[in-house]
């Protein structure tokens, strides 16, 4: 089995898109990698039970917001087994 050759117009468009992605987002990605590493270094390990208590306390505080998808869109709206929220 052999993969068909990619047409030059398609190839150059793909390379251009990839380069645009790298050019636009690479600094942000590298910054977040550094941030993630510092968070992991600063974090503390807790056992499962303690983690459960911390999570439950956090969830019980009404000032902590959790993003929720409210509206359905696209094919989900028409799906017979899915109903939009009341």
C-alpha atoms as a PDB file:
ATOM      1  CA  UNK A   1       0.000   0.000   0.000  1.00  0.00           C
ATOM      2  CA  UNK A   2       1.298   3.408  -0.902  1.00  0.00           C
ATOM      3  CA  UNK A   3       0.057   6.848   0.053  1.00  0.00           C
ATOM      4  CA  UNK A   4      -0.872   9.004  -2.907  1.00  0.00           C
ATOM      5  CA  UNK A   5       1.294  12.032  -3.571  1.00  0.00           C
ATOM      6  CA  UNK A   6      -0.042  15.289  -2.201  1.00  0.00           C
ATOM      7  CA  UNK A   7      -0.639  17.909  -4.862  1.00  0.00           C
ATOM      8  CA  UNK A   8       1.748  20.897  -4.584  1.00  0.00           C
ATOM      9  CA  UNK A   9      -1.090  23.362  -3.985  1.00  0.00           C
ATOM     10  CA  UNK A  10      -2.357  21.229  -1.105  1.00  0.00           C
ATOM     11  CA  UNK A  11       1.143  20.633   0.260  1.00  0.00           C
ATOM     12  CA  UNK A  12       2.071  24.309   0.290  1.00  0.00           C
ATOM     13  CA  UNK A  13      -1.248  25.210   1.927  1.00  0.00           C
ATOM     14  CA  UNK A  14      -0.605  22.623   4.660  1.00  0.00           C
ATOM     15  CA  UNK A  15       2.948  23.851   5.251  1.00  0.00           C
ATOM     16  CA  UNK A  16       1.720  27.451   5.346  1.00  0.00           C
ATOM     17  CA  UNK A  17      -1.009  26.563   7.867  1.00  0.00           C
ATOM     18  CA  UNK A  18       1.453  24.653  10.041  1.00  0.00           C
ATOM     19  CA  UNK A  19       3.934  27.530   9.968  1.00  0.00           C
ATOM     20  CA  UNK A  20       1.185  30.021  10.825  1.00  0.00           C
ATOM     21  CA  UNK A  21       0.170  27.864  13.793  1.00  0.00           C
ATOM     22  CA  UNK A  22       3.771  27.628  15.007  1.00  0.00           C
ATOM     23  CA  UNK A  23       4.389  31.333  14.447  1.00  0.00           C
ATOM     24  CA  UNK A  24       1.203  32.406  16.239  1.00  0.00           C
ATOM     25  CA  UNK A  25       1.062  29.967  19.144  1.00  0.00           C
ATOM     26  CA  UNK A  26       4.594  28.717  19.888  1.00  0.00           C
ATOM     27  CA  UNK A  27       5.409  31.491  22.374  1.00  0.00           C
ATOM     28  CA  UNK A  28       2.141  30.876  24.245  1.00  0.00           C
ATOM     29  CA  UNK A  29       2.705  27.110  24.286  1.00  0.00           C
ATOM     30  CA  UNK A  30       6.256  27.454  25.618  1.00  0.00           C
ATOM     31  CA  UNK A  31       5.087  29.948  28.249  1.00  0.00           C
ATOM     32  CA  UNK A  32       2.378  27.559  29.414  1.00  0.00           C
ATOM     33  CA  UNK A  33       4.846  24.657  29.579  1.00  0.00           C
ATOM     34  CA  UNK A  34       6.986  26.753  31.919  1.00  0.00           C
ATOM     35  CA  UNK A  35       3.915  27.716  33.960  1.00  0.00           C
ATOM     36  CA  UNK A  36       2.747  24.075  34.145  1.00  0.00           C
ATOM     37  CA  UNK A  37       6.176  22.951  35.364  1.00  0.00           C
ATOM     38  CA  UNK A  38       6.216  25.627  38.071  1.00  0.00           C
ATOM     39  CA  UNK A  39       2.713  24.628  39.209  1.00  0.00           C
ATOM     40  CA  UNK A  40       3.761  20.963  39.413  1.00  0.00           C
ATOM     41  CA  UNK A  41       6.879  21.904  41.393  1.00  0.00           C
ATOM     42  CA  UNK A  42       4.920  24.137  43.782  1.00  0.00           C
ATOM     43  CA  UNK A  43       2.072  21.654  44.207  1.00  0.00           C
ATOM     44  CA  UNK A  44       1.738  19.338  47.136  1.00  0.00           C
ATOM     45  CA  UNK A  45       0.775  15.691  47.047  1.00  0.00           C
ATOM     46  CA  UNK A  46      -2.229  14.575  49.041  1.00  0.00           C
ATOM     47  CA  UNK A  47      -3.721  11.150  49.479  1.00  0.00           C
ATOM     48  CA  UNK A  48      -7.015  10.249  47.830  1.00  0.00           C
ATOM     49  CA  UNK A  49      -9.156  10.888  50.908  1.00  0.00           C
ATOM     50  CA  UNK A  50      -7.617  14.294  51.636  1.00  0.00           C
ATOM     51  CA  UNK A  51      -7.963  15.237  47.970  1.00  0.00           C
ATOM     52  CA  UNK A  52     -11.633  14.242  48.070  1.00  0.00           C
ATOM     53  CA  UNK A  53     -12.201  16.466  51.128  1.00  0.00           C
ATOM     54  CA  UNK A  54     -10.416  19.404  49.498  1.00  0.00           C
ATOM     55  CA  UNK A  55     -12.459  18.996  46.315  1.00  0.00           C
ATOM     56  CA  UNK A  56     -15.779  18.693  48.181  1.00  0.00           C
ATOM     57  CA  UNK A  57     -14.999  21.817  50.227  1.00  0.00           C
ATOM     58  CA  UNK A  58     -14.114  23.719  47.055  1.00  0.00           C
ATOM     59  CA  UNK A  59     -17.298  22.574  45.290  1.00  0.00           C
ATOM     60  CA  UNK A  60     -19.438  23.493  48.316  1.00  0.00           C
ATOM     61  CA  UNK A  61     -18.322  27.136  48.166  1.00  0.00           C
ATOM     62  CA  UNK A  62     -20.836  29.031  45.982  1.00  0.00           C
ATOM     63  CA  UNK A  63     -18.219  31.612  45.013  1.00  0.00           C
ATOM     64  CA  UNK A  64     -16.393  28.959  42.970  1.00  0.00           C
ATOM     65  CA  UNK A  65     -17.788  28.896  39.457  1.00  0.00           C
ATOM     66  CA  UNK A  66     -17.757  25.884  37.141  1.00  0.00           C
ATOM     67  CA  UNK A  67     -18.377  26.584  33.440  1.00  0.00           C
ATOM     68  CA  UNK A  68     -21.390  24.727  32.127  1.00  0.00           C
ATOM     69  CA  UNK A  69     -22.581  24.437  28.572  1.00  0.00           C
ATOM     70  CA  UNK A  70     -26.099  25.842  28.583  1.00  0.00           C
ATOM     71  CA  UNK A  71     -27.281  25.819  24.977  1.00  0.00           C
ATOM     72  CA  UNK A  72     -27.220  22.959  22.521  1.00  0.00           C
ATOM     73  CA  UNK A  73     -26.257  23.652  18.945  1.00  0.00           C
ATOM     74  CA  UNK A  74     -25.879  21.939  15.609  1.00  0.00           C
ATOM     75  CA  UNK A  75     -26.890  18.299  15.297  1.00  0.00           C
ATOM     76  CA  UNK A  76     -27.438  17.993  19.062  1.00  0.00           C
ATOM     77  CA  UNK A  77     -30.555  20.174  18.800  1.00  0.00           C
ATOM     78  CA  UNK A  78     -32.161  17.792  16.306  1.00  0.00           C
ATOM     79  CA  UNK A  79     -31.123  14.579  18.006  1.00  0.00           C
ATOM     80  CA  UNK A  80     -34.250  12.768  19.305  1.00  0.00           C
ATOM     81  CA  UNK A  81     -32.453  11.369  22.349  1.00  0.00           C
ATOM     82  CA  UNK A  82     -31.163  14.779  23.517  1.00  0.00           C
ATOM     83  CA  UNK A  83     -33.433  17.442  24.895  1.00  0.00           C
ATOM     84  CA  UNK A  84     -32.387  21.083  25.360  1.00  0.00           C
ATOM     85  CA  UNK A  85     -32.103  22.259  28.968  1.00  0.00           C
ATOM     86  CA  UNK A  86     -35.300  23.625  30.513  1.00  0.00           C
END
